[in-house]
Amino acid sequence: MNKKIIRISLLSIMIFSLIVGCNKSKFNDNTNSNSIDKKEINPISKSTVINILKAEYGENILINNDDIKIIGDLYFVDVYVEVEDSDDEGHETHIHRQSLGTQKVDKYTGELIIE
């Protein structure tokens, strides 16, 4: 009877240790994969920022590299759109430049931040 109790208790201790050890290793794997240093990640380029904004607002946006400013982890971009307007008779066409405001794009993920 004593040997049986000792074997069961040793077996239960080993199983408990195995379960706790597996959970700790899974936790360490998750924290290591999520804690990537931003210095190791290359930020997106200004041309990629322009492509992101063209995908969001269309091909008629007017942006050049001087309109893109980097502040912290964000690109701040002054976005303008070209609007074509014609007279009632259709003889003259006017092109207007309309501001969409300053848009923010995350430097590392490329996510467009809308407030």
N, C-alpha and C. Protein backbone atom coordinates (compact mmCIF):
# COMPACT_ATOMS: atom_id res chain seq x y z
N MET A 1 0.82 -1.19 0.00
CA MET A 1 0.00 0.00 0.00
C MET A 1 0.87 1.26 0.00
N ASN A 2 1.94 1.30 0.79
CA ASN A 2 2.82 2.46 0.85
C ASN A 2 3.51 2.70 -0.49
N LYS A 3 3.94 1.61 -1.16
CA LYS A 3 4.62 1.75 -2.45
C LYS A 3 3.65 2.31 -3.49
N LYS A 4 2.41 1.89 -3.42
CA LYS A 4 1.41 2.35 -4.38
C LYS A 4 1.15 3.85 -4.19
N ILE A 5 1.06 4.31 -2.96
CA ILE A 5 0.84 5.73 -2.67
C ILE A 5 2.04 6.56 -3.12
N ILE A 6 3.25 6.05 -2.88
CA ILE A 6 4.47 6.75 -3.29
C ILE A 6 4.53 6.87 -4.81
N ARG A 7 4.21 5.79 -5.53
CA ARG A 7 4.24 5.82 -6.99
C ARG A 7 3.20 6.80 -7.55
N ILE A 8 2.01 6.79 -7.00
CA ILE A 8 0.96 7.70 -7.46
C ILE A 8 1.35 9.16 -7.19
N SER A 9 1.91 9.43 -6.02
CA SER A 9 2.30 10.80 -5.69
C SER A 9 3.47 11.26 -6.58
N LEU A 10 4.45 10.37 -6.84
CA LEU A 10 5.56 10.73 -7.73
C LEU A 10 5.05 10.98 -9.16
N LEU A 11 4.15 10.13 -9.61
CA LEU A 11 3.59 10.29 -10.95
C LEU A 11 2.81 11.60 -11.06
N SER A 12 2.03 11.94 -10.04
CA SER A 12 1.25 13.18 -10.08
C SER A 12 2.18 14.40 -10.03
N ILE A 13 3.26 14.34 -9.27
CA ILE A 13 4.23 15.44 -9.20
C ILE A 13 4.90 15.63 -10.56
N MET A 14 5.26 14.52 -11.22
CA MET A 14 5.91 14.60 -12.53
C MET A 14 4.96 15.19 -13.57
N ILE A 15 3.70 14.78 -13.55
CA ILE A 15 2.72 15.31 -14.51
C ILE A 15 2.50 16.80 -14.26
N PHE A 16 2.39 17.19 -13.00
CA PHE A 16 2.20 18.60 -12.65
C PHE A 16 3.40 19.43 -13.11
N SER A 17 4.61 18.93 -12.88
CA SER A 17 5.82 19.65 -13.31
C SER A 17 5.88 19.78 -14.82
N LEU A 18 5.49 18.74 -15.52
CA LEU A 18 5.49 18.76 -16.98
C LEU A 18 4.50 19.80 -17.51
N ILE A 19 3.31 19.86 -16.93
CA ILE A 19 2.30 20.82 -17.36
C ILE A 19 2.77 22.25 -17.10
N VAL A 20 3.32 22.50 -15.92
CA VAL A 20 3.80 23.85 -15.58
C VAL A 20 4.96 24.24 -16.49
N GLY A 21 5.86 23.33 -16.77
CA GLY A 21 7.00 23.61 -17.66
C GLY A 21 6.56 23.93 -19.07
N CYS A 22 5.58 23.22 -19.59
CA CYS A 22 5.08 23.49 -20.95
C CYS A 22 4.41 24.85 -21.03
N ASN A 23 3.65 25.21 -20.01
CA ASN A 23 2.97 26.51 -20.01
C ASN A 23 3.97 27.66 -19.95
N LYS A 24 5.04 27.51 -19.18
CA LYS A 24 6.05 28.56 -19.10
C LYS A 24 6.78 28.72 -20.42
N SER A 25 7.09 27.62 -21.10
CA SER A 25 7.81 27.73 -22.37
C SER A 25 6.92 28.36 -23.44
N LYS A 26 5.61 28.07 -23.44
CA LYS A 26 4.70 28.71 -24.39
C LYS A 26 4.61 30.20 -24.12
N PHE A 27 4.58 30.59 -22.86
CA PHE A 27 4.52 32.00 -22.49
C PHE A 27 5.78 32.72 -22.94
N ASN A 28 6.95 32.12 -22.75
CA ASN A 28 8.21 32.73 -23.17
C ASN A 28 8.28 32.86 -24.69
N ASP A 29 7.79 31.88 -25.43
CA ASP A 29 7.80 31.95 -26.89
C ASP A 29 6.93 33.10 -27.38
N ASN A 30 5.76 33.30 -26.75
CA ASN A 30 4.86 34.38 -27.16
C ASN A 30 5.46 35.74 -26.87
N THR A 31 6.09 35.92 -25.73
CA THR A 31 6.65 37.22 -25.40
C THR A 31 7.85 37.53 -26.28
N ASN A 32 8.64 36.55 -26.65
CA ASN A 32 9.79 36.81 -27.50
C ASN A 32 9.37 37.20 -28.90
N SER A 33 8.34 36.59 -29.44
CA SER A 33 7.91 36.91 -30.80
C SER A 33 7.22 38.26 -30.87
N ASN A 34 6.58 38.70 -29.80
CA ASN A 34 5.87 39.98 -29.81
C ASN A 34 6.75 41.15 -29.43
N SER A 35 7.90 40.92 -28.85
CA SER A 35 8.74 42.01 -28.38
C SER A 35 9.88 42.29 -29.35
N ILE A 36 9.55 42.45 -30.63
CA ILE A 36 10.56 42.77 -31.63
C ILE A 36 10.89 44.25 -31.48
N ASP A 37 12.17 44.53 -31.41
CA ASP A 37 12.62 45.90 -31.24
C ASP A 37 12.40 46.67 -32.53
N LYS A 38 11.92 47.91 -32.43
CA LYS A 38 11.64 48.69 -33.63
C LYS A 38 12.91 49.02 -34.40
N LYS A 39 14.05 48.95 -33.75
CA LYS A 39 15.31 49.20 -34.45
C LYS A 39 15.61 48.08 -35.45
N GLU A 40 15.04 46.91 -35.23
CA GLU A 40 15.27 45.77 -36.12
C GLU A 40 14.35 45.81 -37.34
N ILE A 41 13.28 46.60 -37.29
CA ILE A 41 12.31 46.66 -38.38
C ILE A 41 12.63 47.87 -39.24
N ASN A 42 12.67 47.67 -40.55
CA ASN A 42 12.88 48.80 -41.46
C ASN A 42 11.56 49.52 -41.67
N PRO A 43 11.56 50.85 -41.53
CA PRO A 43 10.32 51.60 -41.78
C PRO A 43 9.99 51.61 -43.26
N ILE A 44 8.72 51.84 -43.57
CA ILE A 44 8.30 51.89 -44.97
C ILE A 44 8.82 53.18 -45.59
N SER A 45 8.96 53.17 -46.90
CA SER A 45 9.50 54.34 -47.61
C SER A 45 8.40 55.35 -47.88
N LYS A 46 8.82 56.55 -48.29
CA LYS A 46 7.86 57.60 -48.61
C LYS A 46 7.04 57.23 -49.84
N SER A 47 7.64 56.52 -50.79
CA SER A 47 6.88 56.10 -51.97
C SER A 47 5.80 55.09 -51.60
N THR A 48 6.07 54.26 -50.60
CA THR A 48 5.05 53.32 -50.12
C THR A 48 3.91 54.08 -49.44
N VAL A 49 4.24 55.14 -48.71
CA VAL A 49 3.21 55.97 -48.09
C VAL A 49 2.31 56.58 -49.16
N ILE A 50 2.92 57.05 -50.25
CA ILE A 50 2.14 57.62 -51.35
C ILE A 50 1.23 56.57 -51.96
N ASN A 51 1.73 55.34 -52.13
CA ASN A 51 0.90 54.26 -52.68
C ASN A 51 -0.26 53.90 -51.75
N ILE A 52 -0.03 53.92 -50.44
CA ILE A 52 -1.09 53.64 -49.47
C ILE A 52 -2.19 54.69 -49.59
N LEU A 53 -1.79 55.96 -49.67
CA LEU A 53 -2.79 57.03 -49.77
C LEU A 53 -3.51 57.01 -51.12
N LYS A 54 -2.82 56.63 -52.18
CA LYS A 54 -3.49 56.50 -53.49
C LYS A 54 -4.51 55.36 -53.46
N ALA A 55 -4.19 54.30 -52.75
CA ALA A 55 -5.14 53.19 -52.63
C ALA A 55 -6.37 53.61 -51.83
N GLU A 56 -6.19 54.49 -50.86
CA GLU A 56 -7.31 54.93 -50.02
C GLU A 56 -8.16 56.01 -50.69
N TYR A 57 -7.51 57.00 -51.32
CA TYR A 57 -8.23 58.17 -51.82
C TYR A 57 -8.30 58.26 -53.34
N GLY A 58 -7.66 57.37 -54.07
CA GLY A 58 -7.72 57.39 -55.53
C GLY A 58 -6.46 57.97 -56.15
N GLU A 59 -6.39 57.89 -57.45
CA GLU A 59 -5.20 58.31 -58.19
C GLU A 59 -5.08 59.82 -58.34
N ASN A 60 -6.13 60.58 -58.05
CA ASN A 60 -6.12 62.02 -58.26
C ASN A 60 -5.50 62.81 -57.12
N ILE A 61 -4.89 62.15 -56.15
CA ILE A 61 -4.28 62.89 -55.04
C ILE A 61 -2.96 63.49 -55.51
N LEU A 62 -2.63 64.62 -54.93
CA LEU A 62 -1.40 65.33 -55.26
C LEU A 62 -0.50 65.31 -54.04
N ILE A 63 0.56 64.52 -54.10
CA ILE A 63 1.51 64.42 -52.99
C ILE A 63 2.90 64.36 -53.60
N ASN A 64 3.82 65.09 -52.99
CA ASN A 64 5.23 64.89 -53.33
C ASN A 64 5.99 64.62 -52.04
N ASN A 65 7.25 64.28 -52.17
CA ASN A 65 8.02 63.87 -50.99
C ASN A 65 8.19 65.00 -49.98
N ASP A 66 8.06 66.27 -50.42
CA ASP A 66 8.18 67.39 -49.49
C ASP A 66 6.97 67.51 -48.57
N ASP A 67 5.84 66.95 -48.98
CA ASP A 67 4.62 67.00 -48.17
C ASP A 67 4.63 65.99 -47.03
N ILE A 68 5.59 65.06 -47.03
CA ILE A 68 5.63 63.98 -46.04
C ILE A 68 6.64 64.34 -44.96
N LYS A 69 6.17 64.39 -43.72
CA LYS A 69 7.03 64.70 -42.57
C LYS A 69 7.01 63.54 -41.59
N ILE A 70 8.17 63.24 -41.00
CA ILE A 70 8.27 62.16 -40.02
C ILE A 70 8.33 62.77 -38.63
N ILE A 71 7.38 62.38 -37.79
CA ILE A 71 7.37 62.80 -36.39
C ILE A 71 7.14 61.56 -35.56
N GLY A 72 8.15 61.14 -34.83
CA GLY A 72 8.06 59.92 -34.01
C GLY A 72 7.91 58.70 -34.88
N ASP A 73 6.88 57.92 -34.63
CA ASP A 73 6.62 56.69 -35.39
C ASP A 73 5.58 56.90 -36.49
N LEU A 74 5.28 58.14 -36.82
CA LEU A 74 4.23 58.42 -37.80
C LEU A 74 4.75 59.29 -38.93
N TYR A 75 4.20 59.06 -40.12
CA TYR A 75 4.37 59.96 -41.25
C TYR A 75 3.16 60.89 -41.25
N PHE A 76 3.38 62.19 -41.29
CA PHE A 76 2.31 63.17 -41.42
C PHE A 76 2.33 63.69 -42.85
N VAL A 77 1.21 63.55 -43.55
CA VAL A 77 1.16 63.87 -44.97
C VAL A 77 0.02 64.86 -45.23
N ASP A 78 0.35 65.99 -45.88
CA ASP A 78 -0.67 66.93 -46.34
C ASP A 78 -1.20 66.41 -47.67
N VAL A 79 -2.45 65.98 -47.68
CA VAL A 79 -3.03 65.35 -48.87
C VAL A 79 -3.96 66.34 -49.57
N TYR A 80 -3.73 66.49 -50.86
CA TYR A 80 -4.58 67.32 -51.72
C TYR A 80 -5.14 66.45 -52.83
N VAL A 81 -6.34 66.81 -53.28
CA VAL A 81 -6.97 66.07 -54.37
C VAL A 81 -7.24 67.05 -55.51
N GLU A 82 -7.11 66.55 -56.72
CA GLU A 82 -7.35 67.37 -57.90
C GLU A 82 -8.78 67.14 -58.36
N VAL A 83 -9.59 68.22 -58.35
CA VAL A 83 -11.00 68.14 -58.72
C VAL A 83 -11.18 68.89 -60.04
N GLU A 84 -11.79 68.22 -61.01
CA GLU A 84 -12.02 68.81 -62.32
C GLU A 84 -13.45 69.32 -62.40
N ASP A 85 -13.60 70.57 -62.81
CA ASP A 85 -14.91 71.21 -62.88
C ASP A 85 -15.06 71.84 -64.26
N SER A 86 -16.22 71.69 -64.87
CA SER A 86 -16.44 72.28 -66.20
C SER A 86 -17.64 73.22 -66.15
N ASP A 87 -17.65 74.15 -67.11
CA ASP A 87 -18.77 75.09 -67.22
C ASP A 87 -20.03 74.36 -67.68
N ASP A 88 -21.15 75.09 -67.65
CA ASP A 88 -22.42 74.51 -68.10
C ASP A 88 -22.38 74.11 -69.57
N GLU A 89 -21.75 74.94 -70.37
CA GLU A 89 -21.67 74.62 -71.79
C GLU A 89 -20.59 73.59 -72.07
N GLY A 90 -19.68 73.39 -71.15
CA GLY A 90 -18.62 72.40 -71.32
C GLY A 90 -17.45 72.89 -72.13
N HIS A 91 -17.34 74.23 -72.33
CA HIS A 91 -16.24 74.77 -73.11
C HIS A 91 -14.95 74.84 -72.31
N GLU A 92 -15.06 75.24 -71.07
CA GLU A 92 -13.86 75.42 -70.26
C GLU A 92 -13.87 74.43 -69.10
N THR A 93 -12.69 73.91 -68.85
CA THR A 93 -12.52 72.98 -67.74
C THR A 93 -11.60 73.62 -66.71
N HIS A 94 -12.02 73.62 -65.48
CA HIS A 94 -11.22 74.18 -64.39
C HIS A 94 -10.76 73.04 -63.50
N ILE A 95 -9.52 73.13 -63.08
CA ILE A 95 -8.98 72.13 -62.16
C ILE A 95 -8.72 72.83 -60.83
N HIS A 96 -9.30 72.31 -59.78
CA HIS A 96 -9.16 72.87 -58.44
C HIS A 96 -8.37 71.91 -57.57
N ARG A 97 -7.62 72.48 -56.66
CA ARG A 97 -6.86 71.69 -55.70
C ARG A 97 -7.56 71.82 -54.36
N GLN A 98 -8.03 70.68 -53.83
CA GLN A 98 -8.80 70.69 -52.58
C GLN A 98 -8.05 69.87 -51.53
N SER A 99 -7.95 70.40 -50.32
CA SER A 99 -7.22 69.74 -49.24
C SER A 99 -8.09 68.70 -48.56
N LEU A 100 -7.51 67.53 -48.31
CA LEU A 100 -8.17 66.50 -47.51
C LEU A 100 -7.65 66.50 -46.08
N GLY A 101 -6.76 67.43 -45.78
CA GLY A 101 -6.21 67.53 -44.44
C GLY A 101 -4.92 66.76 -44.28
N THR A 102 -4.45 66.69 -43.08
CA THR A 102 -3.23 65.97 -42.77
C THR A 102 -3.58 64.55 -42.37
N GLN A 103 -3.01 63.58 -43.06
CA GLN A 103 -3.24 62.17 -42.78
C GLN A 103 -2.03 61.61 -42.06
N LYS A 104 -2.26 60.62 -41.21
CA LYS A 104 -1.18 59.97 -40.46
C LYS A 104 -1.05 58.53 -40.91
N VAL A 105 0.20 58.11 -41.15
CA VAL A 105 0.48 56.74 -41.54
C VAL A 105 1.56 56.21 -40.61
N ASP A 106 1.33 55.03 -40.03
CA ASP A 106 2.32 54.41 -39.15
C ASP A 106 3.57 54.06 -39.95
N LYS A 107 4.72 54.41 -39.39
CA LYS A 107 5.99 54.25 -40.09
C LYS A 107 6.41 52.80 -40.25
N TYR A 108 5.96 51.92 -39.37
CA TYR A 108 6.40 50.53 -39.39
C TYR A 108 5.35 49.58 -39.97
N THR A 109 4.06 49.86 -39.76
CA THR A 109 3.02 48.94 -40.24
C THR A 109 2.35 49.43 -41.51
N GLY A 110 2.44 50.72 -41.81
CA GLY A 110 1.76 51.26 -42.98
C GLY A 110 0.28 51.48 -42.76
N GLU A 111 -0.16 51.42 -41.52
CA GLU A 111 -1.57 51.58 -41.21
C GLU A 111 -1.96 53.05 -41.28
N LEU A 112 -3.04 53.34 -41.98
CA LEU A 112 -3.57 54.69 -42.07
C LEU A 112 -4.36 54.97 -40.80
N ILE A 113 -3.95 55.98 -40.05
CA ILE A 113 -4.57 56.29 -38.76
C ILE A 113 -5.59 57.40 -38.96
N ILE A 114 -6.85 57.07 -38.75
CA ILE A 114 -7.94 58.01 -38.94
C ILE A 114 -8.51 58.35 -37.57
N GLU A 115 -8.58 59.63 -37.28
CA GLU A 115 -9.09 60.07 -35.98
C GLU A 115 -10.47 60.61 -36.08
